[in-house]
């Protein structure tokens, strides 16, 4: 797959994941669970999003030497 297509597709997919998960975390924290009820979920989400962003950088942005 060409570099530009991979970069754009990876960015769109990662951005959609980030928007969805942050919105989900926000709705849990402001809803019935409250901040402390949603805090463990927020910690998990931070770790998962860090891994997703690193994977995007590793697969799409970084150029490997042949």
PDB file of N, CA and C in Angstrom:
ATOM      1  N   UNK A   1       0.841  -1.160   0.000  1.00  0.00           N
ATOM      2  CA  UNK A   1       0.000   0.000   0.000  1.00  0.00           C
ATOM      3  C   UNK A   1       0.903   1.245   0.000  1.00  0.00           C
ATOM      4  N   UNK A   2       0.578   2.230  -0.794  1.00  0.00           N
ATOM      5  CA  UNK A   2       1.401   3.444  -0.828  1.00  0.00           C
ATOM      6  C   UNK A   2       1.439   4.148   0.535  1.00  0.00           C
ATOM      7  N   UNK A   3       2.529   4.833   0.777  1.00  0.00           N
ATOM      8  CA  UNK A   3       2.755   5.492   2.065  1.00  0.00           C
ATOM      9  C   UNK A   3       1.650   6.497   2.391  1.00  0.00           C
ATOM     10  N   UNK A   4       1.239   7.300   1.419  1.00  0.00           N
ATOM     11  CA  UNK A   4       0.228   8.332   1.655  1.00  0.00           C
ATOM     12  C   UNK A   4      -1.120   7.722   2.018  1.00  0.00           C
ATOM     13  N   UNK A   5      -1.510   6.677   1.320  1.00  0.00           N
ATOM     14  CA  UNK A   5      -2.793   6.022   1.603  1.00  0.00           C
ATOM     15  C   UNK A   5      -2.764   5.400   2.999  1.00  0.00           C
ATOM     16  N   UNK A   6      -1.657   4.744   3.327  1.00  0.00           N
ATOM     17  CA  UNK A   6      -1.526   4.134   4.643  1.00  0.00           C
ATOM     18  C   UNK A   6      -1.574   5.189   5.746  1.00  0.00           C
ATOM     19  N   UNK A   7      -0.941   6.324   5.518  1.00  0.00           N
ATOM     20  CA  UNK A   7      -0.920   7.411   6.492  1.00  0.00           C
ATOM     21  C   UNK A   7      -2.320   7.985   6.708  1.00  0.00           C
ATOM     22  N   UNK A   8      -3.037   8.242   5.637  1.00  0.00           N
ATOM     23  CA  UNK A   8      -4.373   8.826   5.748  1.00  0.00           C
ATOM     24  C   UNK A   8      -5.347   7.833   6.383  1.00  0.00           C
ATOM     25  N   UNK A   9      -5.331   6.589   5.943  1.00  0.00           N
ATOM     26  CA  UNK A   9      -6.239   5.580   6.490  1.00  0.00           C
ATOM     27  C   UNK A   9      -5.950   5.312   7.967  1.00  0.00           C
ATOM     28  N   UNK A  10      -4.682   5.240   8.308  1.00  0.00           N
ATOM     29  CA  UNK A  10      -4.306   5.028   9.707  1.00  0.00           C
ATOM     30  C   UNK A  10      -4.709   6.188  10.588  1.00  0.00           C
ATOM     31  N   UNK A  11      -4.547   7.411  10.084  1.00  0.00           N
ATOM     32  CA  UNK A  11      -4.924   8.591  10.858  1.00  0.00           C
ATOM     33  C   UNK A  11      -6.435   8.649  11.073  1.00  0.00           C
ATOM     34  N   UNK A  12      -7.199   8.373  10.034  1.00  0.00           N
ATOM     35  CA  UNK A  12      -8.665   8.407  10.165  1.00  0.00           C
ATOM     36  C   UNK A  12      -9.136   7.335  11.150  1.00  0.00           C
ATOM     37  N   UNK A  13      -8.595   6.140  11.035  1.00  0.00           N
ATOM     38  CA  UNK A  13      -8.991   5.065  11.946  1.00  0.00           C
ATOM     39  C   UNK A  13      -8.616   5.357  13.385  1.00  0.00           C
ATOM     40  N   UNK A  14      -7.408   5.854  13.603  1.00  0.00           N
ATOM     41  CA  UNK A  14      -6.979   6.178  14.958  1.00  0.00           C
ATOM     42  C   UNK A  14      -7.781   7.346  15.519  1.00  0.00           C
ATOM     43  N   UNK A  15      -8.059   8.342  14.701  1.00  0.00           N
ATOM     44  CA  UNK A  15      -8.852   9.486  15.163  1.00  0.00           C
ATOM     45  C   UNK A  15     -10.265   9.061  15.541  1.00  0.00           C
ATOM     46  N   UNK A  16     -10.882   8.201  14.748  1.00  0.00           N
ATOM     47  CA  UNK A  16     -12.224   7.713  15.085  1.00  0.00           C
ATOM     48  C   UNK A  16     -12.222   6.920  16.392  1.00  0.00           C
ATOM     49  N   UNK A  17     -11.208   6.103  16.591  1.00  0.00           N
ATOM     50  CA  UNK A  17     -11.088   5.342  17.831  1.00  0.00           C
ATOM     51  C   UNK A  17     -10.947   6.282  19.026  1.00  0.00           C
ATOM     52  N   UNK A  18     -10.076   7.280  18.904  1.00  0.00           N
ATOM     53  CA  UNK A  18      -9.855   8.231  19.997  1.00  0.00           C
ATOM     54  C   UNK A  18     -11.140   8.995  20.317  1.00  0.00           C
ATOM     55  N   UNK A  19     -11.821   9.489  19.303  1.00  0.00           N
ATOM     56  CA  UNK A  19     -13.052  10.259  19.520  1.00  0.00           C
ATOM     57  C   UNK A  19     -14.117   9.393  20.197  1.00  0.00           C
ATOM     58  N   UNK A  20     -14.293   8.168  19.725  1.00  0.00           N
ATOM     59  CA  UNK A  20     -15.303   7.282  20.303  1.00  0.00           C
ATOM     60  C   UNK A  20     -14.996   6.958  21.754  1.00  0.00           C
ATOM     61  N   UNK A  21     -13.769   6.574  22.042  1.00  0.00           N
ATOM     62  CA  UNK A  21     -13.423   6.125  23.393  1.00  0.00           C
ATOM     63  C   UNK A  21     -13.410   7.293  24.379  1.00  0.00           C
ATOM     64  N   UNK A  22     -12.935   8.454  23.961  1.00  0.00           N
ATOM     65  CA  UNK A  22     -12.951   9.616  24.847  1.00  0.00           C
ATOM     66  C   UNK A  22     -14.397  10.036  25.123  1.00  0.00           C
ATOM     67  N   UNK A  23     -15.256   9.995  24.127  1.00  0.00           N
ATOM     68  CA  UNK A  23     -16.665  10.301  24.340  1.00  0.00           C
ATOM     69  C   UNK A  23     -17.326   9.312  25.278  1.00  0.00           C
ATOM     70  N   UNK A  24     -16.998   8.044  25.128  1.00  0.00           N
ATOM     71  CA  UNK A  24     -17.534   7.017  26.016  1.00  0.00           C
ATOM     72  C   UNK A  24     -17.067   7.247  27.449  1.00  0.00           C
ATOM     73  N   UNK A  25     -15.805   7.541  27.621  1.00  0.00           N
ATOM     74  CA  UNK A  25     -15.264   7.817  28.950  1.00  0.00           C
ATOM     75  C   UNK A  25     -15.911   9.054  29.561  1.00  0.00           C
ATOM     76  N   UNK A  26     -16.110  10.069  28.760  1.00  0.00           N
ATOM     77  CA  UNK A  26     -16.749  11.298  29.257  1.00  0.00           C
ATOM     78  C   UNK A  26     -18.184  11.023  29.701  1.00  0.00           C
ATOM     79  N   UNK A  27     -18.919  10.249  28.919  1.00  0.00           N
ATOM     80  CA  UNK A  27     -20.303   9.974  29.280  1.00  0.00           C
ATOM     81  C   UNK A  27     -20.396   9.108  30.533  1.00  0.00           C
ATOM     82  N   UNK A  28     -19.472   8.206  30.729  1.00  0.00           N
ATOM     83  CA  UNK A  28     -19.469   7.384  31.938  1.00  0.00           C
ATOM     84  C   UNK A  28     -19.145   8.242  33.156  1.00  0.00           C
ATOM     85  N   UNK A  29     -18.160   9.123  33.018  1.00  0.00           N
ATOM     86  CA  UNK A  29     -17.721   9.944  34.149  1.00  0.00           C
ATOM     87  C   UNK A  29     -18.728  11.017  34.534  1.00  0.00           C
ATOM     88  N   UNK A  30     -19.484  11.531  33.597  1.00  0.00           N
ATOM     89  CA  UNK A  30     -20.461  12.568  33.918  1.00  0.00           C
ATOM     90  C   UNK A  30     -21.836  11.999  34.198  1.00  0.00           C
ATOM     91  N   UNK A  31     -22.021  10.732  33.999  1.00  0.00           N
ATOM     92  CA  UNK A  31     -23.319  10.109  34.218  1.00  0.00           C
ATOM     93  C   UNK A  31     -23.471   9.568  35.626  1.00  0.00           C
ATOM     94  N   UNK A  32     -24.155   8.469  35.729  1.00  0.00           N
ATOM     95  CA  UNK A  32     -24.499   7.873  37.013  1.00  0.00           C
ATOM     96  C   UNK A  32     -23.257   7.452  37.811  1.00  0.00           C
ATOM     97  N   UNK A  33     -22.207   7.002  37.139  1.00  0.00           N
ATOM     98  CA  UNK A  33     -21.022   6.495  37.833  1.00  0.00           C
ATOM     99  C   UNK A  33     -20.247   7.607  38.531  1.00  0.00           C
ATOM    100  N   UNK A  34     -20.300   8.815  38.011  1.00  0.00           N
ATOM    101  CA  UNK A  34     -19.549   9.907  38.612  1.00  0.00           C
ATOM    102  C   UNK A  34     -18.073   9.811  38.278  1.00  0.00           C
ATOM    103  N   UNK A  35     -17.322  10.797  38.747  1.00  0.00           N
ATOM    104  CA  UNK A  35     -15.901  10.835  38.406  1.00  0.00           C
ATOM    105  C   UNK A  35     -15.153   9.633  38.961  1.00  0.00           C
ATOM    106  N   UNK A  36     -15.347   9.325  40.239  1.00  0.00           N
ATOM    107  CA  UNK A  36     -14.585   8.233  40.840  1.00  0.00           C
ATOM    108  C   UNK A  36     -15.051   6.868  40.352  1.00  0.00           C
ATOM    109  N   UNK A  37     -16.273   6.764  39.928  1.00  0.00           N
ATOM    110  CA  UNK A  37     -16.741   5.507  39.348  1.00  0.00           C
ATOM    111  C   UNK A  37     -16.184   5.275  37.952  1.00  0.00           C
ATOM    112  N   UNK A  38     -15.965   6.375  37.214  1.00  0.00           N
ATOM    113  CA  UNK A  38     -15.416   6.268  35.869  1.00  0.00           C
ATOM    114  C   UNK A  38     -13.909   6.354  35.816  1.00  0.00           C
ATOM    115  N   UNK A  39     -13.278   6.633  36.958  1.00  0.00           N
ATOM    116  CA  UNK A  39     -11.816   6.802  36.981  1.00  0.00           C
ATOM    117  C   UNK A  39     -11.054   5.551  36.535  1.00  0.00           C
ATOM    118  N   UNK A  40     -11.401   4.335  37.023  1.00  0.00           N
ATOM    119  CA  UNK A  40     -10.669   3.152  36.535  1.00  0.00           C
ATOM    120  C   UNK A  40     -10.788   2.979  35.017  1.00  0.00           C
ATOM    121  N   UNK A  41     -11.964   3.281  34.473  1.00  0.00           N
ATOM    122  CA  UNK A  41     -12.141   3.192  33.023  1.00  0.00           C
ATOM    123  C   UNK A  41     -11.265   4.215  32.313  1.00  0.00           C
ATOM    124  N   UNK A  42     -11.157   5.421  32.871  1.00  0.00           N
ATOM    125  CA  UNK A  42     -10.305   6.448  32.258  1.00  0.00           C
ATOM    126  C   UNK A  42      -8.841   6.024  32.243  1.00  0.00           C
ATOM    127  N   UNK A  43      -8.387   5.386  33.314  1.00  0.00           N
ATOM    128  CA  UNK A  43      -6.991   4.925  33.369  1.00  0.00           C
ATOM    129  C   UNK A  43      -6.748   3.868  32.292  1.00  0.00           C
ATOM    130  N   UNK A  44      -7.675   2.938  32.165  1.00  0.00           N
ATOM    131  CA  UNK A  44      -7.545   1.903  31.132  1.00  0.00           C
ATOM    132  C   UNK A  44      -7.554   2.534  29.751  1.00  0.00           C
ATOM    133  N   UNK A  45      -8.428   3.500  29.518  1.00  0.00           N
ATOM    134  CA  UNK A  45      -8.532   4.164  28.222  1.00  0.00           C
ATOM    135  C   UNK A  45      -7.249   4.908  27.875  1.00  0.00           C
ATOM    136  N   UNK A  46      -6.635   5.553  28.850  1.00  0.00           N
ATOM    137  CA  UNK A  46      -5.377   6.263  28.591  1.00  0.00           C
ATOM    138  C   UNK A  46      -4.305   5.297  28.116  1.00  0.00           C
ATOM    139  N   UNK A  47      -4.219   4.132  28.756  1.00  0.00           N
ATOM    140  CA  UNK A  47      -3.221   3.133  28.362  1.00  0.00           C
ATOM    141  C   UNK A  47      -3.525   2.586  26.966  1.00  0.00           C
ATOM    142  N   UNK A  48      -4.784   2.272  26.711  1.00  0.00           N
ATOM    143  CA  UNK A  48      -5.171   1.714  25.410  1.00  0.00           C
ATOM    144  C   UNK A  48      -4.934   2.728  24.289  1.00  0.00           C
ATOM    145  N   UNK A  49      -5.286   3.995  24.515  1.00  0.00           N
ATOM    146  CA  UNK A  49      -5.073   5.018  23.489  1.00  0.00           C
ATOM    147  C   UNK A  49      -3.588   5.264  23.245  1.00  0.00           C
ATOM    148  N   UNK A  50      -2.783   5.194  24.298  1.00  0.00           N
ATOM    149  CA  UNK A  50      -1.337   5.335  24.102  1.00  0.00           C
ATOM    150  C   UNK A  50      -0.808   4.207  23.212  1.00  0.00           C
ATOM    151  N   UNK A  51      -1.291   2.985  23.431  1.00  0.00           N
ATOM    152  CA  UNK A  51      -0.863   1.867  22.596  1.00  0.00           C
ATOM    153  C   UNK A  51      -1.348   2.027  21.156  1.00  0.00           C
ATOM    154  N   UNK A  52      -2.570   2.524  20.972  1.00  0.00           N
ATOM    155  CA  UNK A  52      -3.113   2.714  19.619  1.00  0.00           C
ATOM    156  C   UNK A  52      -2.339   3.801  18.872  1.00  0.00           C
ATOM    157  N   UNK A  53      -2.010   4.880  19.549  1.00  0.00           N
ATOM    158  CA  UNK A  53      -1.257   5.962  18.904  1.00  0.00           C
ATOM    159  C   UNK A  53       0.164   5.508  18.578  1.00  0.00           C
ATOM    160  N   UNK A  54       0.778   4.736  19.477  1.00  0.00           N
ATOM    161  CA  UNK A  54       2.104   4.207  19.182  1.00  0.00           C
ATOM    162  C   UNK A  54       2.056   3.261  17.981  1.00  0.00           C
ATOM    163  N   UNK A  55       1.031   2.425  17.911  1.00  0.00           N
ATOM    164  CA  UNK A  55       0.908   1.507  16.779  1.00  0.00           C
ATOM    165  C   UNK A  55       0.723   2.265  15.468  1.00  0.00           C
ATOM    166  N   UNK A  56      -0.070   3.344  15.492  1.00  0.00           N
ATOM    167  CA  UNK A  56      -0.220   4.188  14.300  1.00  0.00           C
ATOM    168  C   UNK A  56       1.136   4.753  13.887  1.00  0.00           C
ATOM    169  N   UNK A  57       1.893   5.261  14.840  1.00  0.00           N
ATOM    170  CA  UNK A  57       3.205   5.829  14.521  1.00  0.00           C
ATOM    171  C   UNK A  57       4.139   4.746  13.986  1.00  0.00           C
ATOM    172  N   UNK A  58       4.127   3.579  14.614  1.00  0.00           N
ATOM    173  CA  UNK A  58       5.032   2.503  14.218  1.00  0.00           C
ATOM    174  C   UNK A  58       4.693   1.946  12.843  1.00  0.00           C
ATOM    175  N   UNK A  59       3.414   1.797  12.539  1.00  0.00           N
ATOM    176  CA  UNK A  59       3.001   1.188  11.271  1.00  0.00           C
ATOM    177  C   UNK A  59       2.905   2.181  10.123  1.00  0.00           C
ATOM    178  N   UNK A  60       2.491   3.406  10.401  1.00  0.00           N
ATOM    179  CA  UNK A  60       2.157   4.324   9.302  1.00  0.00           C
ATOM    180  C   UNK A  60       3.152   5.469   9.136  1.00  0.00           C
ATOM    181  N   UNK A  61       3.688   5.977  10.206  1.00  0.00           N
ATOM    182  CA  UNK A  61       4.509   7.187  10.113  1.00  0.00           C
ATOM    183  C   UNK A  61       5.981   6.858   9.965  1.00  0.00           C
ATOM    184  N   UNK A  62       6.479   5.970  10.818  1.00  0.00           N
ATOM    185  CA  UNK A  62       7.906   5.670  10.824  1.00  0.00           C
ATOM    186  C   UNK A  62       8.295   4.927   9.554  1.00  0.00           C
ATOM    187  N   UNK A  63       9.345   5.379   8.952  1.00  0.00           N
ATOM    188  CA  UNK A  63       9.868   4.698   7.747  1.00  0.00           C
ATOM    189  C   UNK A  63      10.992   3.767   8.176  1.00  0.00           C
ATOM    190  N   UNK A  64      10.844   2.526   7.783  1.00  0.00           N
ATOM    191  CA  UNK A  64      11.857   1.527   8.138  1.00  0.00           C
ATOM    192  C   UNK A  64      12.892   1.439   7.035  1.00  0.00           C
ATOM    193  N   UNK A  65      14.113   1.217   7.445  1.00  0.00           N
ATOM    194  CA  UNK A  65      15.182   1.023   6.480  1.00  0.00           C
ATOM    195  C   UNK A  65      15.125  -0.408   5.964  1.00  0.00           C
ATOM    196  N   UNK A  66      15.279  -0.602   4.660  1.00  0.00           N
ATOM    197  CA  UNK A  66      15.191  -1.962   4.096  1.00  0.00           C
ATOM    198  C   UNK A  66      16.351  -2.844   4.475  1.00  0.00           C
TER     199      UNK A  66
END
